[in-house]
Amino acid sequence: MSGQPALACWNCGASLADVALPISRHAFCAACGEAVHCCRQCVNFDSRVSGQCTEGRAEPPNDRTAANFCEWFGPAGGPSGGPAGDARRAADAARARLEALFGPAPDET
């Protein structure tokens, strides 16, 4: 046992145990086909910060789901990648409970 958490796809949650480390830019999830070496799978991804990246030196690409060459990439352990994944899931659960009580939020357009 290495003590490392099992890697799971940021998109579908499928195991990435078959993906060779270090993760190549050409690695894709066998279950859903999404890129693995991308912002959404990175420990630095955080949708709550400017640029959605906690690494100040990184230059985030326009598409955070596309494969990239970022030298600060570090694989996150599970779906919705990054350290903010648990907070996002908690917020999504709270939003779902509110929608169950009051219905969906009106469009803000």
PDB file of N, CA and C in Angstrom:
ATOM      1  N   MET A   1       0.840  -1.193   0.000  1.00  0.00           N
ATOM      2  CA  MET A   1       0.000   0.000   0.000  1.00  0.00           C
ATOM      3  C   MET A   1       0.871   1.238   0.000  1.00  0.00           C
ATOM      4  N   SER A   2       0.603   2.151  -0.883  1.00  0.00           N
ATOM      5  CA  SER A   2       1.419   3.353  -0.993  1.00  0.00           C
ATOM      6  C   SER A   2       0.906   4.482  -0.115  1.00  0.00           C
ATOM      7  N   GLY A   3      -0.319   4.394   0.383  1.00  0.00           N
ATOM      8  CA  GLY A   3      -0.890   5.457   1.183  1.00  0.00           C
ATOM      9  C   GLY A   3      -1.502   6.561   0.339  1.00  0.00           C
ATOM     10  N   GLN A   4      -1.311   6.509  -0.959  1.00  0.00           N
ATOM     11  CA  GLN A   4      -1.881   7.497  -1.862  1.00  0.00           C
ATOM     12  C   GLN A   4      -3.349   7.169  -2.108  1.00  0.00           C
ATOM     13  N   PRO A   5      -4.231   8.192  -2.189  1.00  0.00           N
ATOM     14  CA  PRO A   5      -5.621   7.905  -2.502  1.00  0.00           C
ATOM     15  C   PRO A   5      -5.732   7.407  -3.941  1.00  0.00           C
ATOM     16  N   ALA A   6      -6.694   6.543  -4.171  1.00  0.00           N
ATOM     17  CA  ALA A   6      -6.904   6.025  -5.515  1.00  0.00           C
ATOM     18  C   ALA A   6      -7.358   7.161  -6.425  1.00  0.00           C
ATOM     19  N   LEU A   7      -6.798   7.211  -7.618  1.00  0.00           N
ATOM     20  CA  LEU A   7      -7.206   8.234  -8.579  1.00  0.00           C
ATOM     21  C   LEU A   7      -8.528   7.855  -9.206  1.00  0.00           C
ATOM     22  N   ALA A   8      -9.382   8.850  -9.373  1.00  0.00           N
ATOM     23  CA  ALA A   8     -10.678   8.660 -10.021  1.00  0.00           C
ATOM     24  C   ALA A   8     -10.874   9.801 -10.999  1.00  0.00           C
ATOM     25  N   CYS A   9     -11.560   9.540 -12.080  1.00  0.00           N
ATOM     26  CA  CYS A   9     -11.810  10.529 -13.124  1.00  0.00           C
ATOM     27  C   CYS A   9     -12.582  11.720 -12.580  1.00  0.00           C
ATOM     28  N   TRP A  10     -12.157  12.929 -12.945  1.00  0.00           N
ATOM     29  CA  TRP A  10     -12.828  14.158 -12.521  1.00  0.00           C
ATOM     30  C   TRP A  10     -14.244  14.237 -13.076  1.00  0.00           C
ATOM     31  N   ASN A  11     -14.503  13.585 -14.199  1.00  0.00           N
ATOM     32  CA  ASN A  11     -15.798  13.693 -14.865  1.00  0.00           C
ATOM     33  C   ASN A  11     -16.793  12.629 -14.427  1.00  0.00           C
ATOM     34  N   CYS A  12     -16.371  11.362 -14.451  1.00  0.00           N
ATOM     35  CA  CYS A  12     -17.331  10.283 -14.189  1.00  0.00           C
ATOM     36  C   CYS A  12     -17.057   9.523 -12.890  1.00  0.00           C
ATOM     37  N   GLY A  13     -15.904   9.731 -12.283  1.00  0.00           N
ATOM     38  CA  GLY A  13     -15.587   9.050 -11.039  1.00  0.00           C
ATOM     39  C   GLY A  13     -15.009   7.656 -11.206  1.00  0.00           C
ATOM     40  N   ALA A  14     -14.814   7.210 -12.457  1.00  0.00           N
ATOM     41  CA  ALA A  14     -14.257   5.878 -12.701  1.00  0.00           C
ATOM     42  C   ALA A  14     -12.808   5.816 -12.232  1.00  0.00           C
ATOM     43  N   SER A  15     -12.377   4.645 -11.839  1.00  0.00           N
ATOM     44  CA  SER A  15     -11.010   4.444 -11.375  1.00  0.00           C
ATOM     45  C   SER A  15     -10.009   4.734 -12.493  1.00  0.00           C
ATOM     46  N   LEU A  16      -8.912   5.372 -12.119  1.00  0.00           N
ATOM     47  CA  LEU A  16      -7.822   5.638 -13.064  1.00  0.00           C
ATOM     48  C   LEU A  16      -6.601   4.809 -12.692  1.00  0.00           C
ATOM     49  N   ALA A  17      -6.832   3.660 -12.055  1.00  0.00           N
ATOM     50  CA  ALA A  17      -5.746   2.801 -11.610  1.00  0.00           C
ATOM     51  C   ALA A  17      -4.896   2.307 -12.778  1.00  0.00           C
ATOM     52  N   ASP A  18      -5.485   2.209 -13.968  1.00  0.00           N
ATOM     53  CA  ASP A  18      -4.756   1.721 -15.134  1.00  0.00           C
ATOM     54  C   ASP A  18      -3.957   2.815 -15.846  1.00  0.00           C
ATOM     55  N   VAL A  19      -4.061   4.070 -15.408  1.00  0.00           N
ATOM     56  CA  VAL A  19      -3.328   5.177 -16.017  1.00  0.00           C
ATOM     57  C   VAL A  19      -1.922   5.225 -15.415  1.00  0.00           C
ATOM     58  N   ALA A  20      -0.921   5.195 -16.297  1.00  0.00           N
ATOM     59  CA  ALA A  20       0.470   5.206 -15.856  1.00  0.00           C
ATOM     60  C   ALA A  20       0.845   6.558 -15.253  1.00  0.00           C
ATOM     61  N   LEU A  21       1.659   6.505 -14.193  1.00  0.00           N
ATOM     62  CA  LEU A  21       2.174   7.717 -13.567  1.00  0.00           C
ATOM     63  C   LEU A  21       3.620   7.920 -13.980  1.00  0.00           C
ATOM     64  N   PRO A  22       4.097   9.121 -14.178  1.00  0.00           N
ATOM     65  CA  PRO A  22       3.330  10.358 -14.140  1.00  0.00           C
ATOM     66  C   PRO A  22       2.331  10.401 -15.291  1.00  0.00           C
ATOM     67  N   ILE A  23       1.236  11.082 -15.069  1.00  0.00           N
ATOM     68  CA  ILE A  23       0.149  11.117 -16.048  1.00  0.00           C
ATOM     69  C   ILE A  23       0.575  11.884 -17.289  1.00  0.00           C
ATOM     70  N   SER A  24       0.433  11.255 -18.412  1.00  0.00           N
ATOM     71  CA  SER A  24       0.781  11.837 -19.703  1.00  0.00           C
ATOM     72  C   SER A  24      -0.317  12.765 -20.197  1.00  0.00           C
ATOM     73  N   ARG A  25       0.056  13.727 -21.016  1.00  0.00           N
ATOM     74  CA  ARG A  25      -0.911  14.616 -21.651  1.00  0.00           C
ATOM     75  C   ARG A  25      -1.859  13.814 -22.543  1.00  0.00           C
ATOM     76  N   HIS A  26      -1.441  12.632 -22.951  1.00  0.00           N
ATOM     77  CA  HIS A  26      -2.230  11.804 -23.855  1.00  0.00           C
ATOM     78  C   HIS A  26      -3.081  10.761 -23.127  1.00  0.00           C
ATOM     79  N   ALA A  27      -3.196  10.859 -21.815  1.00  0.00           N
ATOM     80  CA  ALA A  27      -3.990   9.901 -21.035  1.00  0.00           C
ATOM     81  C   ALA A  27      -5.457  10.338 -21.012  1.00  0.00           C
ATOM     82  N   PHE A  28      -6.333   9.366 -21.209  1.00  0.00           N
ATOM     83  CA  PHE A  28      -7.770   9.612 -21.199  1.00  0.00           C
ATOM     84  C   PHE A  28      -8.462   8.569 -20.338  1.00  0.00           C
ATOM     85  N   CYS A  29      -9.598   8.939 -19.756  1.00  0.00           N
ATOM     86  CA  CYS A  29     -10.384   8.015 -18.945  1.00  0.00           C
ATOM     87  C   CYS A  29     -10.964   6.933 -19.853  1.00  0.00           C
ATOM     88  N   ALA A  30     -10.762   5.675 -19.477  1.00  0.00           N
ATOM     89  CA  ALA A  30     -11.276   4.567 -20.280  1.00  0.00           C
ATOM     90  C   ALA A  30     -12.805   4.513 -20.261  1.00  0.00           C
ATOM     91  N   ALA A  31     -13.419   5.035 -19.208  1.00  0.00           N
ATOM     92  CA  ALA A  31     -14.877   4.963 -19.071  1.00  0.00           C
ATOM     93  C   ALA A  31     -15.612   6.053 -19.855  1.00  0.00           C
ATOM     94  N   CYS A  32     -15.126   7.299 -19.763  1.00  0.00           N
ATOM     95  CA  CYS A  32     -15.867   8.396 -20.406  1.00  0.00           C
ATOM     96  C   CYS A  32     -15.095   9.097 -21.515  1.00  0.00           C
ATOM     97  N   GLY A  33     -13.798   8.813 -21.637  1.00  0.00           N
ATOM     98  CA  GLY A  33     -13.007   9.384 -22.715  1.00  0.00           C
ATOM     99  C   GLY A  33     -12.480  10.787 -22.460  1.00  0.00           C
ATOM    100  N   GLU A  34     -12.704  11.344 -21.267  1.00  0.00           N
ATOM    101  CA  GLU A  34     -12.224  12.701 -20.974  1.00  0.00           C
ATOM    102  C   GLU A  34     -10.717  12.687 -20.692  1.00  0.00           C
ATOM    103  N   ALA A  35     -10.069  13.816 -20.972  1.00  0.00           N
ATOM    104  CA  ALA A  35      -8.642  13.973 -20.712  1.00  0.00           C
ATOM    105  C   ALA A  35      -8.376  13.885 -19.214  1.00  0.00           C
ATOM    106  N   VAL A  36      -7.254  13.281 -18.858  1.00  0.00           N
ATOM    107  CA  VAL A  36      -6.894  13.140 -17.449  1.00  0.00           C
ATOM    108  C   VAL A  36      -5.886  14.221 -17.039  1.00  0.00           C
ATOM    109  N   HIS A  37      -4.954  14.562 -17.923  1.00  0.00           N
ATOM    110  CA  HIS A  37      -3.973  15.618 -17.618  1.00  0.00           C
ATOM    111  C   HIS A  37      -4.591  16.958 -17.998  1.00  0.00           C
ATOM    112  N   CYS A  38      -5.550  17.409 -17.176  1.00  0.00           N
ATOM    113  CA  CYS A  38      -6.270  18.656 -17.434  1.00  0.00           C
ATOM    114  C   CYS A  38      -6.504  19.371 -16.109  1.00  0.00           C
ATOM    115  N   CYS A  39      -6.909  20.618 -16.199  1.00  0.00           N
ATOM    116  CA  CYS A  39      -7.128  21.423 -14.987  1.00  0.00           C
ATOM    117  C   CYS A  39      -8.109  20.764 -14.027  1.00  0.00           C
ATOM    118  N   ARG A  40      -9.199  20.213 -14.543  1.00  0.00           N
ATOM    119  CA  ARG A  40     -10.231  19.648 -13.673  1.00  0.00           C
ATOM    120  C   ARG A  40      -9.737  18.453 -12.869  1.00  0.00           C
ATOM    121  N   GLN A  41      -8.660  17.793 -13.294  1.00  0.00           N
ATOM    122  CA  GLN A  41      -8.110  16.644 -12.574  1.00  0.00           C
ATOM    123  C   GLN A  41      -6.968  17.060 -11.654  1.00  0.00           C
ATOM    124  N   CYS A  42      -6.628  18.328 -11.634  1.00  0.00           N
ATOM    125  CA  CYS A  42      -5.447  18.817 -10.913  1.00  0.00           C
ATOM    126  C   CYS A  42      -5.769  19.236  -9.477  1.00  0.00           C
ATOM    127  N   VAL A  43      -4.816  19.026  -8.581  1.00  0.00           N
ATOM    128  CA  VAL A  43      -4.979  19.438  -7.188  1.00  0.00           C
ATOM    129  C   VAL A  43      -5.058  20.960  -7.055  1.00  0.00           C
ATOM    130  N   ASN A  44      -4.586  21.685  -8.041  1.00  0.00           N
ATOM    131  CA  ASN A  44      -4.610  23.148  -8.001  1.00  0.00           C
ATOM    132  C   ASN A  44      -5.911  23.741  -8.532  1.00  0.00           C
ATOM    133  N   PHE A  45      -6.799  22.931  -9.083  1.00  0.00           N
ATOM    134  CA  PHE A  45      -8.055  23.438  -9.620  1.00  0.00           C
ATOM    135  C   PHE A  45      -8.989  23.830  -8.477  1.00  0.00           C
ATOM    136  N   ASP A  46      -9.496  25.048  -8.549  1.00  0.00           N
ATOM    137  CA  ASP A  46     -10.459  25.538  -7.561  1.00  0.00           C
ATOM    138  C   ASP A  46     -11.332  26.574  -8.251  1.00  0.00           C
ATOM    139  N   SER A  47     -12.581  26.233  -8.464  1.00  0.00           N
ATOM    140  CA  SER A  47     -13.491  27.122  -9.203  1.00  0.00           C
ATOM    141  C   SER A  47     -13.796  28.407  -8.446  1.00  0.00           C
ATOM    142  N   ARG A  48     -13.409  28.472  -7.170  1.00  0.00           N
ATOM    143  CA  ARG A  48     -13.717  29.649  -6.363  1.00  0.00           C
ATOM    144  C   ARG A  48     -12.683  30.760  -6.486  1.00  0.00           C
ATOM    145  N   VAL A  49     -11.552  30.499  -7.142  1.00  0.00           N
ATOM    146  CA  VAL A  49     -10.514  31.515  -7.263  1.00  0.00           C
ATOM    147  C   VAL A  49     -10.420  32.017  -8.695  1.00  0.00           C
ATOM    148  N   SER A  50      -9.833  33.203  -8.852  1.00  0.00           N
ATOM    149  CA  SER A  50      -9.637  33.790 -10.169  1.00  0.00           C
ATOM    150  C   SER A  50      -8.774  32.857 -11.019  1.00  0.00           C
ATOM    151  N   GLY A  51      -9.195  32.615 -12.232  1.00  0.00           N
ATOM    152  CA  GLY A  51      -8.463  31.707 -13.112  1.00  0.00           C
ATOM    153  C   GLY A  51      -8.680  30.251 -12.793  1.00  0.00           C
ATOM    154  N   GLN A  52      -9.411  29.953 -11.738  1.00  0.00           N
ATOM    155  CA  GLN A  52      -9.732  28.604 -11.279  1.00  0.00           C
ATOM    156  C   GLN A  52      -8.492  27.756 -10.977  1.00  0.00           C
ATOM    157  N   CYS A  53      -7.391  28.427 -10.585  1.00  0.00           N
ATOM    158  CA  CYS A  53      -6.153  27.715 -10.281  1.00  0.00           C
ATOM    159  C   CYS A  53      -5.491  28.354  -9.072  1.00  0.00           C
ATOM    160  N   THR A  54      -5.105  27.530  -8.102  1.00  0.00           N
ATOM    161  CA  THR A  54      -4.463  28.046  -6.905  1.00  0.00           C
ATOM    162  C   THR A  54      -2.956  28.226  -7.087  1.00  0.00           C
ATOM    163  N   GLU A  55      -2.406  27.760  -8.182  1.00  0.00           N
ATOM    164  CA  GLU A  55      -0.979  27.940  -8.484  1.00  0.00           C
ATOM    165  C   GLU A  55      -0.826  29.265  -9.218  1.00  0.00           C
ATOM    166  N   GLY A  56      -0.297  30.257  -8.537  1.00  0.00           N
ATOM    167  CA  GLY A  56      -0.199  31.605  -9.084  1.00  0.00           C
ATOM    168  C   GLY A  56       0.674  31.734 -10.318  1.00  0.00           C
ATOM    169  N   ARG A  57       1.612  30.827 -10.507  1.00  0.00           N
ATOM    170  CA  ARG A  57       2.509  30.909 -11.658  1.00  0.00           C
ATOM    171  C   ARG A  57       1.943  30.244 -12.902  1.00  0.00           C
ATOM    172  N   ALA A  58       0.894  29.449 -12.743  1.00  0.00           N
ATOM    173  CA  ALA A  58       0.316  28.735 -13.884  1.00  0.00           C
ATOM    174  C   ALA A  58      -0.460  29.691 -14.771  1.00  0.00           C
ATOM    175  N   GLU A  59      -0.482  29.385 -16.036  1.00  0.00           N
ATOM    176  CA  GLU A  59      -1.264  30.152 -16.995  1.00  0.00           C
ATOM    177  C   GLU A  59      -2.402  29.241 -17.459  1.00  0.00           C
ATOM    178  N   PRO A  60      -3.559  29.310 -16.787  1.00  0.00           N
ATOM    179  CA  PRO A  60      -4.656  28.385 -17.092  1.00  0.00           C
ATOM    180  C   PRO A  60      -5.150  28.524 -18.534  1.00  0.00           C
ATOM    181  N   PRO A  61      -5.417  27.395 -19.176  1.00  0.00           N
ATOM    182  CA  PRO A  61      -5.949  27.423 -20.541  1.00  0.00           C
ATOM    183  C   PRO A  61      -7.415  27.843 -20.533  1.00  0.00           C
ATOM    184  N   ASN A  62      -7.942  28.148 -21.707  1.00  0.00           N
ATOM    185  CA  ASN A  62      -9.353  28.520 -21.813  1.00  0.00           C
ATOM    186  C   ASN A  62     -10.273  27.355 -21.483  1.00  0.00           C
ATOM    187  N   ASP A  63      -9.894  26.148 -21.904  1.00  0.00           N
ATOM    188  CA  ASP A  63     -10.718  24.962 -21.673  1.00  0.00           C
ATOM    189  C   ASP A  63     -10.091  24.132 -20.563  1.00  0.00           C
ATOM    190  N   ARG A  64     -10.697  24.141 -19.389  1.00  0.00           N
ATOM    191  CA  ARG A  64     -10.140  23.438 -18.234  1.00  0.00           C
ATOM    192  C   ARG A  64     -10.354  21.927 -18.297  1.00  0.00           C
ATOM    193  N   THR A  65     -11.097  21.452 -19.306  1.00  0.00           N
ATOM    194  CA  THR A  65     -11.326  20.012 -19.444  1.00  0.00           C
ATOM    195  C   THR A  65     -10.439  19.394 -20.523  1.00  0.00           C
ATOM    196  N   ALA A  66      -9.675  20.209 -21.237  1.00  0.00           N
ATOM    197  CA  ALA A  66      -8.810  19.716 -22.314  1.00  0.00           C
ATOM    198  C   ALA A  66      -7.423  19.365 -21.770  1.00  0.00           C
ATOM    199  N   ALA A  67      -6.783  18.408 -22.419  1.00  0.00           N
ATOM    200  CA  ALA A  67      -5.427  18.033 -22.043  1.00  0.00           C
ATOM    201  C   ALA A  67      -4.508  19.242 -22.216  1.00  0.00           C
ATOM    202  N   ASN A  68      -3.522  19.373 -21.296  1.00  0.00           N
ATOM    203  CA  ASN A  68      -2.612  20.504 -21.380  1.00  0.00           C
ATOM    204  C   ASN A  68      -1.201  20.086 -20.964  1.00  0.00           C
ATOM    205  N   PHE A  69      -0.279  21.034 -21.086  1.00  0.00           N
ATOM    206  CA  PHE A  69       1.124  20.783 -20.762  1.00  0.00           C
ATOM    207  C   PHE A  69       1.548  21.451 -19.458  1.00  0.00           C
ATOM    208  N   CYS A  70       0.638  21.791 -18.586  1.00  0.00           N
ATOM    209  CA  CYS A  70       0.958  22.538 -17.371  1.00  0.00           C
ATOM    210  C   CYS A  70       2.016  21.818 -16.537  1.00  0.00           C
ATOM    211  N   GLU A  71       3.083  22.534 -16.210  1.00  0.00           N
ATOM    212  CA  GLU A  71       4.159  21.920 -15.436  1.00  0.00           C
ATOM    213  C   GLU A  71       3.852  21.852 -13.945  1.00  0.00           C
ATOM    214  N   TRP A  72       2.770  22.480 -13.495  1.00  0.00           N
ATOM    215  CA  TRP A  72       2.379  22.445 -12.082  1.00  0.00           C
ATOM    216  C   TRP A  72       1.246  21.451 -11.844  1.00  0.00           C
ATOM    217  N   PHE A  73       0.915  20.650 -12.841  1.00  0.00           N
ATOM    218  CA  PHE A  73      -0.150  19.663 -12.714  1.00  0.00           C
ATOM    219  C   PHE A  73       0.208  18.624 -11.656  1.00  0.00           C
ATOM    220  N   GLY A  74      -0.749  18.361 -10.775  1.00  0.00           N
ATOM    221  CA  GLY A  74      -0.640  17.282  -9.797  1.00  0.00           C
ATOM    222  C   GLY A  74      -1.993  16.597  -9.765  1.00  0.00           C
ATOM    223  N   PRO A  75      -2.051  15.287  -9.952  1.00  0.00           N
ATOM    224  CA  PRO A  75      -3.349  14.618 -10.042  1.00  0.00           C
ATOM    225  C   PRO A  75      -4.137  14.654  -8.734  1.00  0.00           C
ATOM    226  N   ALA A  76      -5.386  15.036  -8.851  1.00  0.00           N
ATOM    227  CA  ALA A  76      -6.303  15.033  -7.708  1.00  0.00           C
ATOM    228  C   ALA A  76      -6.930  13.652  -7.600  1.00  0.00           C
ATOM    229  N   GLY A  77      -7.323  13.290  -6.422  1.00  0.00           N
ATOM    230  CA  GLY A  77      -7.795  11.945  -6.162  1.00  0.00           C
ATOM    231  C   GLY A  77      -9.156  11.554  -6.687  1.00  0.00           C
ATOM    232  N   GLY A  78     -10.079  12.494  -6.876  1.00  0.00           N
ATOM    233  CA  GLY A  78     -11.420  12.055  -7.214  1.00  0.00           C
ATOM    234  C   GLY A  78     -12.188  12.966  -8.127  1.00  0.00           C
ATOM    235  N   PRO A  79     -13.480  12.671  -8.285  1.00  0.00           N
ATOM    236  CA  PRO A  79     -14.318  13.463  -9.154  1.00  0.00           C
ATOM    237  C   PRO A  79     -14.292  14.932  -8.761  1.00  0.00           C
ATOM    238  N   SER A  80     -14.413  15.791  -9.723  1.00  0.00           N
ATOM    239  CA  SER A  80     -14.394  17.243  -9.544  1.00  0.00           C
ATOM    240  C   SER A  80     -13.058  17.722  -9.038  1.00  0.00           C
ATOM    241  N   GLY A  81     -12.001  16.988  -9.252  1.00  0.00           N
ATOM    242  CA  GLY A  81     -10.637  17.295  -8.920  1.00  0.00           C
ATOM    243  C   GLY A  81     -10.365  18.485  -8.031  1.00  0.00           C
ATOM    244  N   GLY A  82      -9.220  18.508  -7.421  1.00  0.00           N
ATOM    245  CA  GLY A  82      -8.771  19.627  -6.629  1.00  0.00           C
ATOM    246  C   GLY A  82      -9.231  19.589  -5.192  1.00  0.00           C
ATOM    247  N   PRO A  83      -8.621  20.401  -4.367  1.00  0.00           N
ATOM    248  CA  PRO A  83      -8.926  20.395  -2.941  1.00  0.00           C
ATOM    249  C   PRO A  83     -10.314  20.925  -2.625  1.00  0.00           C
ATOM    250  N   ALA A  84     -10.930  21.622  -3.558  1.00  0.00           N
ATOM    251  CA  ALA A  84     -12.249  22.190  -3.309  1.00  0.00           C
ATOM    252  C   ALA A  84     -13.372  21.221  -3.678  1.00  0.00           C
ATOM    253  N   GLY A  85     -13.027  20.009  -4.099  1.00  0.00           N
ATOM    254  CA  GLY A  85     -14.044  19.047  -4.520  1.00  0.00           C
ATOM    255  C   GLY A  85     -15.090  18.767  -3.456  1.00  0.00           C
ATOM    256  N   ASP A  86     -14.663  18.564  -2.203  1.00  0.00           N
ATOM    257  CA  ASP A  86     -15.615  18.294  -1.127  1.00  0.00           C
ATOM    258  C   ASP A  86     -16.529  19.486  -0.898  1.00  0.00           C
ATOM    259  N   ALA A  87     -15.979  20.691  -0.939  1.00  0.00           N
ATOM    260  CA  ALA A  87     -16.787  21.899  -0.748  1.00  0.00           C
ATOM    261  C   ALA A  87     -17.812  22.053  -1.872  1.00  0.00           C
ATOM    262  N   ARG A  88     -17.391  21.747  -3.110  1.00  0.00           N
ATOM    263  CA  ARG A  88     -18.332  21.837  -4.242  1.00  0.00           C
ATOM    264  C   ARG A  88     -19.452  20.820  -4.096  1.00  0.00           C
ATOM    265  N   ARG A  89     -19.097  19.596  -3.686  1.00  0.00           N
ATOM    266  CA  ARG A  89     -20.134  18.567  -3.517  1.00  0.00           C
ATOM    267  C   ARG A  89     -21.099  18.954  -2.400  1.00  0.00           C
ATOM    268  N   ALA A  90     -20.589  19.540  -1.306  1.00  0.00           N
ATOM    269  CA  ALA A  90     -21.453  19.987  -0.213  1.00  0.00           C
ATOM    270  C   ALA A  90     -22.368  21.112  -0.689  1.00  0.00           C
ATOM    271  N   ALA A  91     -21.833  22.036  -1.479  1.00  0.00           N
ATOM    272  CA  ALA A  91     -22.644  23.135  -2.009  1.00  0.00           C
ATOM    273  C   ALA A  91     -23.707  22.603  -2.967  1.00  0.00           C
ATOM    274  N   ASP A  92     -23.334  21.631  -3.796  1.00  0.00           N
ATOM    275  CA  ASP A  92     -24.309  21.034  -4.717  1.00  0.00           C
ATOM    276  C   ASP A  92     -25.428  20.332  -3.955  1.00  0.00           C
ATOM    277  N   ALA A  93     -25.071  19.636  -2.868  1.00  0.00           N
ATOM    278  CA  ALA A  93     -26.079  18.947  -2.062  1.00  0.00           C
ATOM    279  C   ALA A  93     -27.013  19.962  -1.399  1.00  0.00           C
ATOM    280  N   ALA A  94     -26.445  21.053  -0.886  1.00  0.00           N
ATOM    281  CA  ALA A  94     -27.276  22.098  -0.268  1.00  0.00           C
ATOM    282  C   ALA A  94     -28.200  22.735  -1.300  1.00  0.00           C
ATOM    283  N   ARG A  95     -27.663  22.984  -2.498  1.00  0.00           N
ATOM    284  CA  ARG A  95     -28.473  23.559  -3.575  1.00  0.00           C
ATOM    285  C   ARG A  95     -29.630  22.616  -3.944  1.00  0.00           C
ATOM    286  N   ALA A  96     -29.349  21.325  -3.986  1.00  0.00           N
ATOM    287  CA  ALA A  96     -30.384  20.345  -4.312  1.00  0.00           C
ATOM    288  C   ALA A  96     -31.489  20.339  -3.247  1.00  0.00           C
ATOM    289  N   ARG A  97     -31.088  20.460  -1.976  1.00  0.00           N
ATOM    290  CA  ARG A  97     -32.088  20.505  -0.911  1.00  0.00           C
ATOM    291  C   ARG A  97     -32.955  21.759  -1.016  1.00  0.00           C
ATOM    292  N   LEU A  98     -32.333  22.899  -1.330  1.00  0.00           N
ATOM    293  CA  LEU A  98     -33.101  24.139  -1.513  1.00  0.00           C
ATOM    294  C   LEU A  98     -34.072  24.021  -2.683  1.00  0.00           C
ATOM    295  N   GLU A  99     -33.596  23.431  -3.785  1.00  0.00           N
ATOM    296  CA  GLU A  99     -34.471  23.263  -4.948  1.00  0.00           C
ATOM    297  C   GLU A  99     -35.625  22.315  -4.645  1.00  0.00           C
ATOM    298  N   ALA A 100     -35.385  21.326  -3.780  1.00  0.00           N
ATOM    299  CA  ALA A 100     -36.466  20.426  -3.395  1.00  0.00           C
ATOM    300  C   ALA A 100     -37.529  21.162  -2.602  1.00  0.00           C
ATOM    301  N   LEU A 101     -37.104  22.144  -1.802  1.00  0.00           N
ATOM    302  CA  LEU A 101     -38.055  22.932  -1.016  1.00  0.00           C
ATOM    303  C   LEU A 101     -38.755  24.020  -1.827  1.00  0.00           C
ATOM    304  N   PHE A 102     -37.988  24.754  -2.622  1.00  0.00           N
ATOM    305  CA  PHE A 102     -38.504  25.952  -3.270  1.00  0.00           C
ATOM    306  C   PHE A 102     -38.588  25.872  -4.793  1.00  0.00           C
ATOM    307  N   GLY A 103     -38.128  24.789  -5.377  1.00  0.00           N
ATOM    308  CA  GLY A 103     -38.116  24.681  -6.824  1.00  0.00           C
ATOM    309  C   GLY A 103     -36.819  25.240  -7.386  1.00  0.00           C
ATOM    310  N   PRO A 104     -36.600  25.073  -8.682  1.00  0.00           N
ATOM    311  CA  PRO A 104     -35.351  25.547  -9.284  1.00  0.00           C
ATOM    312  C   PRO A 104     -35.245  27.071  -9.252  1.00  0.00           C
ATOM    313  N   ALA A 105     -34.010  27.552  -9.208  1.00  0.00           N
ATOM    314  CA  ALA A 105     -33.752  28.986  -9.199  1.00  0.00           C
ATOM    315  C   ALA A 105     -34.188  29.596 -10.525  1.00  0.00           C
ATOM    316  N   PRO A 106     -34.724  30.814 -10.509  1.00  0.00           N
ATOM    317  CA  PRO A 106     -35.109  31.457 -11.772  1.00  0.00           C
ATOM    318  C   PRO A 106     -33.871  31.807 -12.583  1.00  0.00           C
ATOM    319  N   ASP A 107     -34.027  31.874 -13.889  1.00  0.00           N
ATOM    320  CA  ASP A 107     -32.915  32.251 -14.757  1.00  0.00           C
ATOM    321  C   ASP A 107     -32.473  33.659 -14.433  1.00  0.00           C
ATOM    322  N   GLU A 108     -31.164  33.874 -14.424  1.00  0.00           N
ATOM    323  CA  GLU A 108     -30.611  35.189 -14.105  1.00  0.00           C
ATOM    324  C   GLU A 108     -30.169  35.913 -15.360  1.00  0.00           C
ATOM    325  N   THR A 109     -30.877  35.740 -16.447  1.00  0.00           N
ATOM    326  CA  THR A 109     -30.494  36.405 -17.705  1.00  0.00           C
ATOM    327  C   THR A 109     -31.209  37.696 -17.914  1.00  0.00           C
TER     328      THR A 109
END
